[in-house]
Amino acid sequence: MRYNDNMKFWLFDLAHGNLSDLEIIKGFIKYYVLYNCTIQNVQDDIHFHTNYGVIGEQTALESLNKALCSYVDYERE
């Protein structure tokens, strides 16, 4: 089951900027990629299943994008 307590903790920490890049990538793979989900699903989960608000959503997406870009050593223009 993808949506469990560990995933909820990961989403909380992601939305509040409490994770390292490695923890972000591991969680994204564990809770999303292995279930054929995308960054859009992360955004939807935060938007529809939490009360973290727009700031939490923005923090999560910025952190996730930064970690993924850093992992592949890609600089966004």
C-alpha atoms as a PDB file:
ATOM      1  CA  MET A   1       0.000   0.000   0.000  1.00  0.00           C
ATOM      2  CA  ARG A   2       1.492   3.300  -1.095  1.00  0.00           C
ATOM      3  CA  TYR A   3      -0.365   5.733   1.165  1.00  0.00           C
ATOM      4  CA  ASN A   4       0.790   4.752   4.669  1.00  0.00           C
ATOM      5  CA  ASP A   5       2.020   6.483   7.829  1.00  0.00           C
ATOM      6  CA  ASN A   6       5.639   6.570   6.627  1.00  0.00           C
ATOM      7  CA  MET A   7       4.569   8.282   3.418  1.00  0.00           C
ATOM      8  CA  LYS A   8       2.553  10.821   5.424  1.00  0.00           C
ATOM      9  CA  PHE A   9       5.633  11.615   7.521  1.00  0.00           C
ATOM     10  CA  TRP A  10       7.717  11.949   4.358  1.00  0.00           C
ATOM     11  CA  LEU A  11       5.158  14.334   2.800  1.00  0.00           C
ATOM     12  CA  PHE A  12       5.066  16.387   6.006  1.00  0.00           C
ATOM     13  CA  ASP A  13       8.849  16.666   6.085  1.00  0.00           C
ATOM     14  CA  LEU A  14       8.988  17.429   2.360  1.00  0.00           C
ATOM     15  CA  ALA A  15       6.404  20.202   2.688  1.00  0.00           C
ATOM     16  CA  HIS A  16       8.249  21.707   5.647  1.00  0.00           C
ATOM     17  CA  GLY A  17      11.779  21.535   4.221  1.00  0.00           C
ATOM     18  CA  ASN A  18      13.024  18.968   6.751  1.00  0.00           C
ATOM     19  CA  LEU A  19      14.659  16.475   4.359  1.00  0.00           C
ATOM     20  CA  SER A  20      18.069  16.174   2.761  1.00  0.00           C
ATOM     21  CA  ASP A  21      18.282  15.743  -1.004  1.00  0.00           C
ATOM     22  CA  LEU A  22      19.007  12.039  -0.540  1.00  0.00           C
ATOM     23  CA  GLU A  23      15.970  11.561   1.714  1.00  0.00           C
ATOM     24  CA  ILE A  24      13.799  13.408  -0.811  1.00  0.00           C
ATOM     25  CA  ILE A  25      14.956  11.225  -3.695  1.00  0.00           C
ATOM     26  CA  LYS A  26      14.628   7.982  -1.716  1.00  0.00           C
ATOM     27  CA  GLY A  27      11.104   8.896  -0.604  1.00  0.00           C
ATOM     28  CA  PHE A  28      10.048   9.961  -4.074  1.00  0.00           C
ATOM     29  CA  ILE A  29      11.236   6.685  -5.540  1.00  0.00           C
ATOM     30  CA  LYS A  30       9.757   4.594  -2.696  1.00  0.00           C
ATOM     31  CA  TYR A  31       6.335   6.259  -2.543  1.00  0.00           C
ATOM     32  CA  TYR A  32       5.833   7.468  -6.115  1.00  0.00           C
ATOM     33  CA  VAL A  33       8.133   6.109  -8.830  1.00  0.00           C
ATOM     34  CA  LEU A  34       7.707   2.455  -7.832  1.00  0.00           C
ATOM     35  CA  TYR A  35       3.936   2.970  -8.072  1.00  0.00           C
ATOM     36  CA  ASN A  36       4.173   4.615 -11.499  1.00  0.00           C
ATOM     37  CA  CYS A  37       3.394   8.057 -10.070  1.00  0.00           C
ATOM     38  CA  THR A  38       4.884  11.450 -10.905  1.00  0.00           C
ATOM     39  CA  ILE A  39       5.699  14.833  -9.395  1.00  0.00           C
ATOM     40  CA  GLN A  40       2.112  15.824 -10.190  1.00  0.00           C
ATOM     41  CA  ASN A  41       0.935  13.081  -7.816  1.00  0.00           C
ATOM     42  CA  VAL A  42       3.103  14.559  -5.056  1.00  0.00           C
ATOM     43  CA  GLN A  43       1.459  17.926  -5.637  1.00  0.00           C
ATOM     44  CA  ASP A  44      -2.023  16.369  -5.689  1.00  0.00           C
ATOM     45  CA  ASP A  45      -1.378  14.421  -2.478  1.00  0.00           C
ATOM     46  CA  ILE A  46      -0.271  17.554  -0.652  1.00  0.00           C
ATOM     47  CA  HIS A  47      -3.060  19.682  -2.107  1.00  0.00           C
ATOM     48  CA  PHE A  48      -5.936  17.242  -1.557  1.00  0.00           C
ATOM     49  CA  HIS A  49      -4.802  15.108   1.410  1.00  0.00           C
ATOM     50  CA  THR A  50      -3.068  17.588   3.739  1.00  0.00           C
ATOM     51  CA  ASN A  51      -3.617  21.016   5.225  1.00  0.00           C
ATOM     52  CA  TYR A  52      -0.080  22.268   4.485  1.00  0.00           C
ATOM     53  CA  GLY A  53      -1.409  24.988   2.181  1.00  0.00           C
ATOM     54  CA  VAL A  54       0.127  26.698  -0.796  1.00  0.00           C
ATOM     55  CA  ILE A  55       3.402  27.387   1.032  1.00  0.00           C
ATOM     56  CA  GLY A  56       3.826  23.701   1.910  1.00  0.00           C
ATOM     57  CA  GLU A  57       3.009  22.705  -1.639  1.00  0.00           C
ATOM     58  CA  GLN A  58       5.523  25.182  -3.070  1.00  0.00           C
ATOM     59  CA  THR A  59       8.208  24.149  -0.587  1.00  0.00           C
ATOM     60  CA  ALA A  60       7.701  20.485  -1.429  1.00  0.00           C
ATOM     61  CA  LEU A  61       7.803  20.962  -5.193  1.00  0.00           C
ATOM     62  CA  GLU A  62      10.805  23.281  -5.095  1.00  0.00           C
ATOM     63  CA  SER A  63      12.697  20.873  -2.823  1.00  0.00           C
ATOM     64  CA  LEU A  64      11.805  17.873  -4.974  1.00  0.00           C
ATOM     65  CA  ASN A  65      12.816  19.605  -8.209  1.00  0.00           C
ATOM     66  CA  LYS A  66      16.058  20.843  -6.658  1.00  0.00           C
ATOM     67  CA  ALA A  67      16.946  17.380  -5.349  1.00  0.00           C
ATOM     68  CA  LEU A  68      16.183  15.667  -8.661  1.00  0.00           C
ATOM     69  CA  CYS A  69      18.108  18.251 -10.690  1.00  0.00           C
ATOM     70  CA  SER A  70      21.022  18.000  -8.293  1.00  0.00           C
ATOM     71  CA  TYR A  71      20.979  14.210  -8.518  1.00  0.00           C
ATOM     72  CA  VAL A  72      21.332  14.240 -12.290  1.00  0.00           C
ATOM     73  CA  ASP A  73      23.673  17.244 -12.147  1.00  0.00           C
ATOM     74  CA  TYR A  74      21.345  19.318 -14.272  1.00  0.00           C
ATOM     75  CA  GLU A  75      21.067  23.081 -14.085  1.00  0.00           C
ATOM     76  CA  ARG A  76      17.705  24.610 -14.890  1.00  0.00           C
ATOM     77  CA  GLU A  77      17.715  27.623 -17.153  1.00  0.00           C
END
